[in-house]
Amino acid sequence: MSKNYYEELSKINVSDHVEKKGRFSYLSWAWAVDVLRKHDPTATWEVIRFEGMPFMKTECGYFVEVAVTVQGVTLSQIHPVLDNSNKPIAKPNAFQINTSIQRCLVKAIALHGLGLYIYAGEDLPMDGPITPEQVGTLKMRALEFAKLRDKKDADVYAALKIQDITKLSEGQATEVIGKLEQWIDKAKEEDKQAQSA
C-alpha cells in the first residue's frame, strides 16, 4: 500500500456496492471490510464499550462508536442508533443496535477514504413533515397513555402542548413519541408498584 493510503482508498469506486433505503445510501459493511482488508491485511477495528456495553444511552438517544485502524492510524466514528428514516430509536433492540454498529463501522472505514464521497451532504437538515406512520404511532401511544391514566387523549395532547398533530415535523414527532413511550413505561411501573404494595 502506498504511503498515502487515504488517497488510494478514496479512488476506489464504490457505486456498485451502495444500497438504497428510502432516500438514504448505505455502503455494504461486508464489502467495505473485504476491500479494506485486501488493501491492508493488518487493518483492525474495535467496537468501543461503555461500562461494558457496546452502546451508550444518553438523554438524546442511543449511540455506538467504532474505531478503525489502517496503516497504524486509528480513527473513530460515533453513530446514533437510527431507524430506516434516519430518525433516533427511543428504545432500540439488539438487532437495531447491531445494525447501527455495522453502519458505524462502514463510516469509520470511510474516514480512511473508502466510500467517503457517498456521505457528502448527509448531515444537511432534512426534517420533513410528520409521516403517516408517525401519525398512527403517536395517536396509538397517546391513547395508550390516556387509558393508563384514565384520561382523554385530548388531555394527553394538551399536556404535550400539541394542538394539531399534522403540523409536527418528523423530528418533532420522533421526540413526542419517545416522550410518550417514557410516560407509558413510567405509568406501568407505578401501577405495578402500587399493586404489589
N, C-alpha and C. Protein backbone atom coordinates (compact mmCIF):
# COMPACT_ATOMS: atom_id res chain seq x y z
N MET A 1 0.85 -1.19 0.00
CA MET A 1 0.00 0.00 0.00
C MET A 1 0.89 1.24 0.00
N SER A 2 0.47 2.27 -0.71
CA SER A 2 1.27 3.48 -0.80
C SER A 2 1.29 4.21 0.53
N LYS A 3 2.22 5.16 0.66
CA LYS A 3 2.30 5.93 1.90
C LYS A 3 1.00 6.69 2.14
N ASN A 4 0.44 7.26 1.07
CA ASN A 4 -0.82 7.97 1.23
C ASN A 4 -1.98 6.99 1.00
N TYR A 5 -2.22 6.15 2.01
CA TYR A 5 -3.25 5.12 1.87
C TYR A 5 -4.64 5.74 1.68
N TYR A 6 -4.86 6.93 2.28
CA TYR A 6 -6.16 7.59 2.16
C TYR A 6 -6.46 7.89 0.68
N GLU A 7 -5.47 8.42 -0.01
CA GLU A 7 -5.67 8.76 -1.42
C GLU A 7 -5.98 7.50 -2.23
N GLU A 8 -5.31 6.41 -1.90
CA GLU A 8 -5.52 5.15 -2.63
C GLU A 8 -6.93 4.61 -2.39
N LEU A 9 -7.36 4.62 -1.12
CA LEU A 9 -8.69 4.11 -0.79
C LEU A 9 -9.79 5.02 -1.34
N SER A 10 -9.55 6.31 -1.37
CA SER A 10 -10.58 7.25 -1.83
C SER A 10 -10.80 7.18 -3.34
N LYS A 11 -9.87 6.58 -4.07
CA LYS A 11 -10.01 6.45 -5.52
C LYS A 11 -10.91 5.28 -5.91
N ILE A 12 -11.20 4.39 -4.97
CA ILE A 12 -11.99 3.19 -5.28
C ILE A 12 -13.45 3.56 -5.51
N ASN A 13 -13.99 3.11 -6.64
CA ASN A 13 -15.39 3.37 -6.98
C ASN A 13 -16.28 2.38 -6.21
N VAL A 14 -17.13 2.92 -5.33
CA VAL A 14 -17.99 2.06 -4.50
C VAL A 14 -19.42 1.99 -5.02
N SER A 15 -19.70 2.67 -6.12
CA SER A 15 -21.08 2.84 -6.61
C SER A 15 -21.87 1.54 -6.74
N ASP A 16 -21.21 0.48 -7.21
CA ASP A 16 -21.92 -0.79 -7.42
C ASP A 16 -22.25 -1.51 -6.11
N HIS A 17 -21.77 -0.99 -5.01
CA HIS A 17 -21.98 -1.67 -3.72
C HIS A 17 -22.78 -0.83 -2.74
N VAL A 18 -23.39 0.22 -3.27
CA VAL A 18 -24.22 1.10 -2.44
C VAL A 18 -25.64 0.56 -2.40
N GLU A 19 -26.20 0.49 -1.20
CA GLU A 19 -27.59 0.04 -1.03
C GLU A 19 -28.44 1.25 -0.73
N LYS A 20 -29.61 1.33 -1.36
CA LYS A 20 -30.52 2.45 -1.13
C LYS A 20 -31.65 2.00 -0.22
N LYS A 21 -31.90 2.81 0.83
CA LYS A 21 -33.05 2.59 1.70
C LYS A 21 -33.76 3.92 1.80
N GLY A 22 -34.90 4.01 1.10
CA GLY A 22 -35.60 5.30 1.04
C GLY A 22 -34.73 6.29 0.29
N ARG A 23 -34.49 7.44 0.92
CA ARG A 23 -33.68 8.47 0.25
C ARG A 23 -32.23 8.45 0.72
N PHE A 24 -31.85 7.41 1.48
CA PHE A 24 -30.51 7.34 2.02
C PHE A 24 -29.69 6.24 1.37
N SER A 25 -28.37 6.46 1.30
CA SER A 25 -27.46 5.49 0.69
C SER A 25 -26.59 4.85 1.77
N TYR A 26 -26.39 3.54 1.65
CA TYR A 26 -25.54 2.81 2.58
C TYR A 26 -24.56 1.96 1.80
N LEU A 27 -23.37 1.87 2.31
CA LEU A 27 -22.36 1.01 1.71
C LEU A 27 -22.38 -0.32 2.46
N SER A 28 -22.39 -1.41 1.74
CA SER A 28 -22.40 -2.74 2.35
C SER A 28 -21.20 -2.90 3.27
N TRP A 29 -21.46 -3.21 4.54
CA TRP A 29 -20.36 -3.31 5.51
C TRP A 29 -19.45 -4.49 5.16
N ALA A 30 -20.02 -5.60 4.69
CA ALA A 30 -19.21 -6.78 4.36
C ALA A 30 -18.25 -6.47 3.21
N TRP A 31 -18.75 -5.73 2.21
CA TRP A 31 -17.91 -5.37 1.07
C TRP A 31 -16.81 -4.40 1.52
N ALA A 32 -17.19 -3.41 2.35
CA ALA A 32 -16.21 -2.42 2.82
C ALA A 32 -15.08 -3.09 3.60
N VAL A 33 -15.43 -4.03 4.46
CA VAL A 33 -14.41 -4.76 5.24
C VAL A 33 -13.53 -5.57 4.30
N ASP A 34 -14.14 -6.23 3.33
CA ASP A 34 -13.39 -7.06 2.38
C ASP A 34 -12.36 -6.23 1.60
N VAL A 35 -12.80 -5.09 1.09
CA VAL A 35 -11.89 -4.23 0.32
C VAL A 35 -10.80 -3.66 1.22
N LEU A 36 -11.18 -3.23 2.40
CA LEU A 36 -10.19 -2.67 3.33
C LEU A 36 -9.11 -3.70 3.65
N ARG A 37 -9.52 -4.92 3.96
CA ARG A 37 -8.56 -5.97 4.35
C ARG A 37 -7.68 -6.40 3.18
N LYS A 38 -8.22 -6.32 1.96
CA LYS A 38 -7.40 -6.65 0.78
C LYS A 38 -6.32 -5.59 0.56
N HIS A 39 -6.65 -4.33 0.88
CA HIS A 39 -5.68 -3.26 0.72
C HIS A 39 -4.72 -3.16 1.91
N ASP A 40 -5.21 -3.54 3.08
CA ASP A 40 -4.36 -3.54 4.28
C ASP A 40 -4.74 -4.71 5.17
N PRO A 41 -4.06 -5.86 5.01
CA PRO A 41 -4.38 -7.05 5.80
C PRO A 41 -4.18 -6.84 7.31
N THR A 42 -3.46 -5.77 7.68
CA THR A 42 -3.23 -5.52 9.12
C THR A 42 -4.31 -4.61 9.72
N ALA A 43 -5.25 -4.15 8.90
CA ALA A 43 -6.30 -3.25 9.40
C ALA A 43 -7.13 -3.95 10.48
N THR A 44 -7.48 -3.19 11.50
CA THR A 44 -8.29 -3.73 12.61
C THR A 44 -9.39 -2.74 12.97
N TRP A 45 -10.38 -3.21 13.70
CA TRP A 45 -11.42 -2.33 14.20
C TRP A 45 -11.87 -2.80 15.56
N GLU A 46 -12.45 -1.88 16.31
CA GLU A 46 -12.89 -2.18 17.67
C GLU A 46 -14.20 -1.47 17.95
N VAL A 47 -15.17 -2.21 18.50
CA VAL A 47 -16.41 -1.61 18.96
C VAL A 47 -16.14 -1.08 20.36
N ILE A 48 -16.27 0.22 20.55
CA ILE A 48 -15.98 0.84 21.84
C ILE A 48 -17.07 0.45 22.85
N ARG A 49 -16.64 0.14 24.06
CA ARG A 49 -17.57 -0.26 25.13
C ARG A 49 -17.80 0.90 26.09
N PHE A 50 -19.01 0.98 26.59
CA PHE A 50 -19.39 1.97 27.58
C PHE A 50 -19.89 1.22 28.81
N GLU A 51 -19.05 1.18 29.84
CA GLU A 51 -19.36 0.38 31.04
C GLU A 51 -19.71 -1.05 30.65
N GLY A 52 -18.94 -1.59 29.73
CA GLY A 52 -19.08 -2.98 29.31
C GLY A 52 -20.10 -3.21 28.20
N MET A 53 -20.89 -2.18 27.86
CA MET A 53 -21.94 -2.34 26.85
C MET A 53 -21.47 -1.74 25.52
N PRO A 54 -21.91 -2.32 24.38
CA PRO A 54 -21.49 -1.81 23.07
C PRO A 54 -22.30 -0.60 22.60
N PHE A 55 -22.95 0.10 23.52
CA PHE A 55 -23.72 1.29 23.19
C PHE A 55 -23.72 2.23 24.39
N MET A 56 -24.06 3.48 24.11
CA MET A 56 -24.16 4.47 25.17
C MET A 56 -25.55 5.07 25.14
N LYS A 57 -26.22 5.09 26.29
CA LYS A 57 -27.55 5.66 26.38
C LYS A 57 -27.42 7.09 26.92
N THR A 58 -28.03 8.05 26.20
CA THR A 58 -28.00 9.45 26.63
C THR A 58 -29.41 10.00 26.63
N GLU A 59 -29.55 11.25 27.09
CA GLU A 59 -30.87 11.89 27.10
C GLU A 59 -31.40 12.11 25.69
N CYS A 60 -30.50 12.20 24.72
CA CYS A 60 -30.96 12.47 23.35
C CYS A 60 -30.90 11.23 22.47
N GLY A 61 -30.74 10.05 23.06
CA GLY A 61 -30.76 8.82 22.27
C GLY A 61 -29.61 7.89 22.57
N TYR A 62 -29.55 6.79 21.81
CA TYR A 62 -28.51 5.78 21.95
C TYR A 62 -27.43 6.01 20.89
N PHE A 63 -26.17 5.74 21.27
CA PHE A 63 -25.05 5.92 20.34
C PHE A 63 -24.13 4.71 20.40
N VAL A 64 -23.46 4.45 19.28
CA VAL A 64 -22.42 3.42 19.23
C VAL A 64 -21.16 4.08 18.68
N GLU A 65 -20.01 3.46 18.94
CA GLU A 65 -18.74 4.00 18.44
C GLU A 65 -17.86 2.86 17.98
N VAL A 66 -17.24 3.05 16.82
CA VAL A 66 -16.31 2.06 16.27
C VAL A 66 -15.02 2.78 15.88
N ALA A 67 -13.89 2.19 16.25
CA ALA A 67 -12.58 2.74 15.88
C ALA A 67 -11.94 1.78 14.88
N VAL A 68 -11.44 2.33 13.77
CA VAL A 68 -10.78 1.53 12.73
C VAL A 68 -9.33 2.00 12.59
N THR A 69 -8.42 1.03 12.58
CA THR A 69 -7.01 1.34 12.44
C THR A 69 -6.51 0.83 11.09
N VAL A 70 -5.95 1.75 10.28
CA VAL A 70 -5.39 1.42 8.97
C VAL A 70 -3.97 2.00 8.92
N GLN A 71 -3.00 1.15 8.59
CA GLN A 71 -1.62 1.60 8.49
C GLN A 71 -1.17 2.36 9.74
N GLY A 72 -1.64 1.87 10.89
CA GLY A 72 -1.23 2.47 12.16
C GLY A 72 -1.98 3.72 12.56
N VAL A 73 -2.91 4.17 11.71
CA VAL A 73 -3.71 5.37 12.01
C VAL A 73 -5.09 4.93 12.49
N THR A 74 -5.48 5.35 13.70
CA THR A 74 -6.78 4.99 14.26
C THR A 74 -7.72 6.17 14.20
N LEU A 75 -8.88 5.96 13.59
CA LEU A 75 -9.93 6.98 13.51
C LEU A 75 -11.22 6.35 14.00
N SER A 76 -11.97 7.08 14.82
CA SER A 76 -13.22 6.51 15.33
C SER A 76 -14.41 7.33 14.87
N GLN A 77 -15.55 6.66 14.79
CA GLN A 77 -16.79 7.28 14.35
C GLN A 77 -17.86 6.98 15.40
N ILE A 78 -18.60 8.00 15.78
CA ILE A 78 -19.74 7.83 16.68
C ILE A 78 -21.01 7.91 15.83
N HIS A 79 -21.94 7.01 16.08
CA HIS A 79 -23.14 6.94 15.24
C HIS A 79 -24.37 6.75 16.12
N PRO A 80 -25.43 7.55 15.92
CA PRO A 80 -26.66 7.33 16.69
C PRO A 80 -27.38 6.09 16.20
N VAL A 81 -28.15 5.48 17.07
CA VAL A 81 -28.95 4.31 16.67
C VAL A 81 -30.22 4.86 16.01
N LEU A 82 -30.31 4.61 14.69
CA LEU A 82 -31.38 5.21 13.88
C LEU A 82 -32.24 4.15 13.20
N ASP A 83 -33.44 4.56 12.81
CA ASP A 83 -34.30 3.68 12.02
C ASP A 83 -34.00 3.90 10.53
N ASN A 84 -34.78 3.28 9.65
CA ASN A 84 -34.53 3.40 8.20
C ASN A 84 -34.83 4.79 7.65
N SER A 85 -35.48 5.64 8.47
CA SER A 85 -35.73 7.03 8.07
C SER A 85 -34.68 7.96 8.65
N ASN A 86 -33.64 7.35 9.23
CA ASN A 86 -32.56 8.10 9.88
C ASN A 86 -33.06 8.93 11.06
N LYS A 87 -34.03 8.37 11.77
CA LYS A 87 -34.55 9.02 12.98
C LYS A 87 -34.13 8.19 14.19
N PRO A 88 -33.82 8.86 15.32
CA PRO A 88 -33.40 8.13 16.51
C PRO A 88 -34.46 7.15 17.00
N ILE A 89 -34.02 5.98 17.46
CA ILE A 89 -34.93 4.97 18.01
C ILE A 89 -34.93 5.12 19.52
N ALA A 90 -36.11 5.40 20.09
CA ALA A 90 -36.21 5.67 21.52
C ALA A 90 -35.80 4.47 22.39
N LYS A 91 -36.21 3.27 21.96
CA LYS A 91 -35.88 2.06 22.73
C LYS A 91 -35.42 0.97 21.76
N PRO A 92 -34.16 1.04 21.32
CA PRO A 92 -33.68 0.07 20.33
C PRO A 92 -33.52 -1.33 20.89
N ASN A 93 -33.71 -2.33 20.00
CA ASN A 93 -33.47 -3.71 20.41
C ASN A 93 -32.06 -4.11 19.97
N ALA A 94 -31.66 -5.34 20.28
CA ALA A 94 -30.30 -5.80 19.98
C ALA A 94 -30.00 -5.75 18.49
N PHE A 95 -30.96 -6.10 17.66
CA PHE A 95 -30.76 -6.09 16.21
C PHE A 95 -30.49 -4.67 15.71
N GLN A 96 -31.27 -3.70 16.22
CA GLN A 96 -31.11 -2.31 15.79
C GLN A 96 -29.77 -1.73 16.24
N ILE A 97 -29.32 -2.12 17.42
CA ILE A 97 -28.01 -1.67 17.90
C ILE A 97 -26.91 -2.29 17.03
N ASN A 98 -27.05 -3.58 16.71
CA ASN A 98 -26.06 -4.25 15.87
C ASN A 98 -26.01 -3.61 14.47
N THR A 99 -27.17 -3.28 13.91
CA THR A 99 -27.22 -2.63 12.61
C THR A 99 -26.49 -1.30 12.65
N SER A 100 -26.68 -0.54 13.72
CA SER A 100 -26.01 0.75 13.85
C SER A 100 -24.50 0.58 14.00
N ILE A 101 -24.08 -0.49 14.67
CA ILE A 101 -22.64 -0.76 14.80
C ILE A 101 -22.04 -1.02 13.42
N GLN A 102 -22.75 -1.78 12.57
CA GLN A 102 -22.25 -2.08 11.23
C GLN A 102 -22.19 -0.80 10.38
N ARG A 103 -23.20 0.06 10.51
CA ARG A 103 -23.18 1.33 9.77
C ARG A 103 -22.03 2.20 10.27
N CYS A 104 -21.83 2.18 11.59
CA CYS A 104 -20.75 2.96 12.18
C CYS A 104 -19.39 2.45 11.70
N LEU A 105 -19.25 1.14 11.60
CA LEU A 105 -18.01 0.54 11.09
C LEU A 105 -17.71 1.04 9.68
N VAL A 106 -18.74 1.04 8.83
CA VAL A 106 -18.55 1.50 7.44
C VAL A 106 -18.13 2.97 7.42
N LYS A 107 -18.74 3.77 8.29
CA LYS A 107 -18.39 5.20 8.32
C LYS A 107 -16.97 5.41 8.87
N ALA A 108 -16.58 4.58 9.82
CA ALA A 108 -15.22 4.69 10.35
C ALA A 108 -14.21 4.30 9.27
N ILE A 109 -14.55 3.29 8.47
CA ILE A 109 -13.70 2.91 7.32
C ILE A 109 -13.67 4.07 6.32
N ALA A 110 -14.82 4.72 6.11
CA ALA A 110 -14.90 5.84 5.17
C ALA A 110 -13.98 6.99 5.58
N LEU A 111 -13.77 7.16 6.88
CA LEU A 111 -12.86 8.21 7.35
C LEU A 111 -11.44 7.99 6.81
N HIS A 112 -11.14 6.74 6.46
CA HIS A 112 -9.83 6.40 5.88
C HIS A 112 -9.84 6.52 4.36
N GLY A 113 -10.99 6.93 3.79
CA GLY A 113 -11.05 7.20 2.36
C GLY A 113 -12.04 6.37 1.56
N LEU A 114 -12.31 5.13 1.98
CA LEU A 114 -13.14 4.23 1.19
C LEU A 114 -14.62 4.63 1.24
N GLY A 115 -15.12 5.14 0.13
CA GLY A 115 -16.54 5.49 0.04
C GLY A 115 -16.95 6.75 0.76
N LEU A 116 -15.99 7.56 1.16
CA LEU A 116 -16.33 8.78 1.91
C LEU A 116 -17.26 9.69 1.12
N TYR A 117 -17.08 9.72 -0.20
CA TYR A 117 -17.86 10.65 -1.03
C TYR A 117 -19.36 10.38 -1.02
N ILE A 118 -19.78 9.13 -0.71
CA ILE A 118 -21.23 8.86 -0.74
C ILE A 118 -21.96 9.51 0.43
N TYR A 119 -21.18 9.93 1.45
CA TYR A 119 -21.82 10.55 2.62
C TYR A 119 -21.86 12.07 2.52
N ALA A 120 -21.35 12.63 1.43
CA ALA A 120 -21.34 14.09 1.26
C ALA A 120 -22.76 14.63 1.32
N GLY A 121 -22.99 15.58 2.20
CA GLY A 121 -24.29 16.23 2.29
C GLY A 121 -25.30 15.52 3.16
N GLU A 122 -24.95 14.36 3.73
CA GLU A 122 -25.95 13.63 4.52
C GLU A 122 -26.25 14.30 5.85
N ASP A 123 -25.35 15.20 6.28
CA ASP A 123 -25.59 15.87 7.55
C ASP A 123 -26.39 17.16 7.40
N LEU A 124 -26.85 17.43 6.16
CA LEU A 124 -27.69 18.60 5.96
C LEU A 124 -29.08 18.31 6.51
N PRO A 125 -29.72 19.32 7.11
CA PRO A 125 -31.04 19.07 7.71
C PRO A 125 -32.06 18.63 6.67
N MET A 126 -32.76 17.54 6.95
CA MET A 126 -33.79 17.01 6.05
C MET A 126 -35.02 16.63 6.88
N ASP A 127 -35.53 17.61 7.63
CA ASP A 127 -36.64 17.33 8.53
C ASP A 127 -37.94 17.70 7.85
N GLY A 128 -38.57 16.71 7.24
CA GLY A 128 -39.82 16.94 6.53
C GLY A 128 -41.02 16.88 7.46
N PRO A 129 -42.21 16.92 6.91
CA PRO A 129 -43.43 16.85 7.73
C PRO A 129 -43.60 15.45 8.33
N ILE A 130 -44.41 15.38 9.37
CA ILE A 130 -44.70 14.11 10.04
C ILE A 130 -45.21 13.10 9.01
N THR A 131 -44.76 11.85 9.15
CA THR A 131 -45.16 10.81 8.20
C THR A 131 -46.48 10.18 8.66
N PRO A 132 -47.21 9.55 7.74
CA PRO A 132 -48.46 8.86 8.13
C PRO A 132 -48.22 7.80 9.21
N GLU A 133 -47.07 7.10 9.11
CA GLU A 133 -46.74 6.08 10.12
C GLU A 133 -46.58 6.72 11.50
N GLN A 134 -45.93 7.89 11.53
CA GLN A 134 -45.73 8.58 12.80
C GLN A 134 -47.06 9.07 13.37
N VAL A 135 -47.96 9.52 12.51
CA VAL A 135 -49.29 9.96 12.97
C VAL A 135 -49.98 8.80 13.68
N GLY A 136 -49.96 7.63 13.03
CA GLY A 136 -50.59 6.44 13.61
C GLY A 136 -49.96 6.04 14.94
N THR A 137 -48.62 6.02 14.98
CA THR A 137 -47.91 5.63 16.20
C THR A 137 -48.18 6.62 17.33
N LEU A 138 -48.14 7.92 17.00
CA LEU A 138 -48.37 8.94 18.02
C LEU A 138 -49.77 8.83 18.60
N LYS A 139 -50.76 8.65 17.74
CA LYS A 139 -52.15 8.52 18.21
C LYS A 139 -52.31 7.29 19.09
N MET A 140 -51.69 6.18 18.68
CA MET A 140 -51.77 4.93 19.44
C MET A 140 -51.14 5.08 20.83
N ARG A 141 -49.95 5.72 20.87
CA ARG A 141 -49.25 5.90 22.15
C ARG A 141 -50.02 6.86 23.06
N ALA A 142 -50.59 7.92 22.48
CA ALA A 142 -51.36 8.89 23.27
C ALA A 142 -52.59 8.21 23.88
N LEU A 143 -53.25 7.38 23.09
CA LEU A 143 -54.44 6.67 23.56
C LEU A 143 -54.06 5.67 24.66
N GLU A 144 -52.93 4.99 24.47
CA GLU A 144 -52.47 4.01 25.47
C GLU A 144 -52.19 4.70 26.80
N PHE A 145 -51.51 5.84 26.74
CA PHE A 145 -51.20 6.56 27.98
C PHE A 145 -52.47 7.10 28.62
N ALA A 146 -53.40 7.60 27.79
CA ALA A 146 -54.67 8.13 28.30
C ALA A 146 -55.43 7.05 29.07
N LYS A 147 -55.46 5.82 28.53
CA LYS A 147 -56.16 4.71 29.19
C LYS A 147 -55.48 4.35 30.51
N LEU A 148 -54.15 4.36 30.51
CA LEU A 148 -53.41 4.03 31.74
C LEU A 148 -53.69 5.02 32.85
N ARG A 149 -53.94 6.26 32.49
CA ARG A 149 -54.16 7.32 33.48
C ARG A 149 -55.62 7.79 33.54
N ASP A 150 -56.52 7.00 32.91
CA ASP A 150 -57.95 7.28 32.92
C ASP A 150 -58.25 8.73 32.50
N LYS A 151 -57.63 9.12 31.40
CA LYS A 151 -57.83 10.46 30.87
C LYS A 151 -58.32 10.37 29.42
N LYS A 152 -58.65 11.50 28.85
CA LYS A 152 -58.99 11.56 27.43
C LYS A 152 -57.70 11.82 26.65
N ASP A 153 -57.63 11.34 25.40
CA ASP A 153 -56.42 11.58 24.63
C ASP A 153 -56.19 13.07 24.39
N ALA A 154 -57.29 13.87 24.40
CA ALA A 154 -57.16 15.33 24.25
C ALA A 154 -56.36 15.91 25.41
N ASP A 155 -56.52 15.31 26.61
CA ASP A 155 -55.75 15.77 27.78
C ASP A 155 -54.26 15.51 27.59
N VAL A 156 -53.97 14.37 26.95
CA VAL A 156 -52.57 14.00 26.70
C VAL A 156 -51.93 14.98 25.72
N TYR A 157 -52.66 15.30 24.64
CA TYR A 157 -52.15 16.26 23.65
C TYR A 157 -51.94 17.63 24.29
N ALA A 158 -52.85 18.01 25.20
CA ALA A 158 -52.73 19.30 25.89
C ALA A 158 -51.46 19.31 26.75
N ALA A 159 -51.21 18.19 27.44
CA ALA A 159 -50.01 18.08 28.28
C ALA A 159 -48.74 18.17 27.44
N LEU A 160 -48.84 17.69 26.19
CA LEU A 160 -47.70 17.73 25.27
C LEU A 160 -47.62 19.05 24.51
N LYS A 161 -48.62 19.92 24.77
CA LYS A 161 -48.71 21.23 24.08
C LYS A 161 -48.83 21.06 22.55
N ILE A 162 -49.64 20.07 22.16
CA ILE A 162 -49.87 19.82 20.73
C ILE A 162 -51.32 20.16 20.40
N GLN A 163 -51.49 21.07 19.44
CA GLN A 163 -52.84 21.44 19.01
C GLN A 163 -53.25 20.66 17.77
N ASP A 164 -52.29 20.43 16.87
CA ASP A 164 -52.58 19.72 15.62
C ASP A 164 -51.39 18.81 15.28
N ILE A 165 -51.60 17.50 15.37
CA ILE A 165 -50.53 16.53 15.09
C ILE A 165 -49.93 16.74 13.71
N THR A 166 -50.77 17.03 12.73
CA THR A 166 -50.29 17.12 11.34
C THR A 166 -49.33 18.29 11.10
N LYS A 167 -49.25 19.20 12.06
CA LYS A 167 -48.35 20.36 11.91
C LYS A 167 -46.93 20.04 12.43
N LEU A 168 -46.76 18.87 13.04
CA LEU A 168 -45.44 18.50 13.56
C LEU A 168 -44.51 18.11 12.41
N SER A 169 -43.20 18.26 12.65
CA SER A 169 -42.21 17.77 11.69
C SER A 169 -41.86 16.33 12.07
N GLU A 170 -41.12 15.65 11.21
CA GLU A 170 -40.68 14.27 11.51
C GLU A 170 -39.89 14.23 12.81
N GLY A 171 -38.96 15.18 12.94
CA GLY A 171 -38.11 15.22 14.13
C GLY A 171 -38.91 15.46 15.40
N GLN A 172 -39.86 16.41 15.33
CA GLN A 172 -40.71 16.70 16.50
C GLN A 172 -41.55 15.48 16.86
N ALA A 173 -42.09 14.81 15.84
CA ALA A 173 -42.91 13.62 16.07
C ALA A 173 -42.09 12.53 16.76
N THR A 174 -40.85 12.34 16.32
CA THR A 174 -39.97 11.34 16.93
C THR A 174 -39.76 11.64 18.41
N GLU A 175 -39.54 12.93 18.72
CA GLU A 175 -39.34 13.33 20.12
C GLU A 175 -40.60 13.08 20.95
N VAL A 176 -41.76 13.45 20.40
CA VAL A 176 -43.02 13.28 21.13
C VAL A 176 -43.32 11.80 21.37
N ILE A 177 -43.11 10.98 20.35
CA ILE A 177 -43.34 9.53 20.50
C ILE A 177 -42.42 8.96 21.58
N GLY A 178 -41.16 9.40 21.56
CA GLY A 178 -40.20 8.95 22.58
C GLY A 178 -40.65 9.35 23.98
N LYS A 179 -41.16 10.58 24.10
CA LYS A 179 -41.63 11.08 25.40
C LYS A 179 -42.84 10.28 25.87
N LEU A 180 -43.77 10.00 24.95
CA LEU A 180 -44.95 9.21 25.30
C LEU A 180 -44.56 7.81 25.76
N GLU A 181 -43.59 7.21 25.08
CA GLU A 181 -43.15 5.86 25.47
C GLU A 181 -42.54 5.87 26.87
N GLN A 182 -41.83 6.94 27.20
CA GLN A 182 -41.27 7.07 28.55
C GLN A 182 -42.39 7.20 29.57
N TRP A 183 -43.41 8.03 29.25
CA TRP A 183 -44.55 8.20 30.15
C TRP A 183 -45.28 6.87 30.36
N ILE A 184 -45.45 6.13 29.28
CA ILE A 184 -46.15 4.84 29.36
C ILE A 184 -45.38 3.87 30.26
N ASP A 185 -44.07 3.78 30.03
CA ASP A 185 -43.23 2.89 30.84
C ASP A 185 -43.30 3.27 32.32
N LYS A 186 -43.24 4.58 32.59
CA LYS A 186 -43.28 5.06 33.98
C LYS A 186 -44.64 4.75 34.61
N ALA A 187 -45.71 4.99 33.85
CA ALA A 187 -47.06 4.72 34.36
C ALA A 187 -47.25 3.24 34.67
N LYS A 188 -46.76 2.37 33.79
CA LYS A 188 -46.88 0.92 34.02
C LYS A 188 -46.09 0.50 35.26
N GLU A 189 -44.91 1.10 35.42
CA GLU A 189 -44.07 0.76 36.58
C GLU A 189 -44.74 1.24 37.87
N GLU A 190 -45.33 2.42 37.84
CA GLU A 190 -46.03 2.95 39.02
C GLU A 190 -47.22 2.07 39.37
N ASP A 191 -47.97 1.65 38.35
CA ASP A 191 -49.12 0.77 38.57
C ASP A 191 -48.69 -0.58 39.15
N LYS A 192 -47.57 -1.09 38.65
CA LYS A 192 -47.05 -2.37 39.11
C LYS A 192 -46.65 -2.29 40.58
N GLN A 193 -46.00 -1.18 40.95
CA GLN A 193 -45.57 -0.98 42.35
C GLN A 193 -46.77 -0.80 43.25
N ALA A 194 -47.80 -0.11 42.75
CA ALA A 194 -49.00 0.11 43.55
C ALA A 194 -49.73 -1.21 43.84
N GLN A 195 -49.72 -2.11 42.85
CA GLN A 195 -50.39 -3.41 43.01
C GLN A 195 -49.65 -4.32 43.97
N SER A 196 -48.31 -4.20 43.97
CA SER A 196 -47.53 -5.07 44.85
C SER A 196 -47.40 -4.53 46.27
N ALA A 197 -47.83 -3.28 46.46
CA ALA A 197 -47.73 -2.66 47.80
C ALA A 197 -48.82 -3.19 48.73
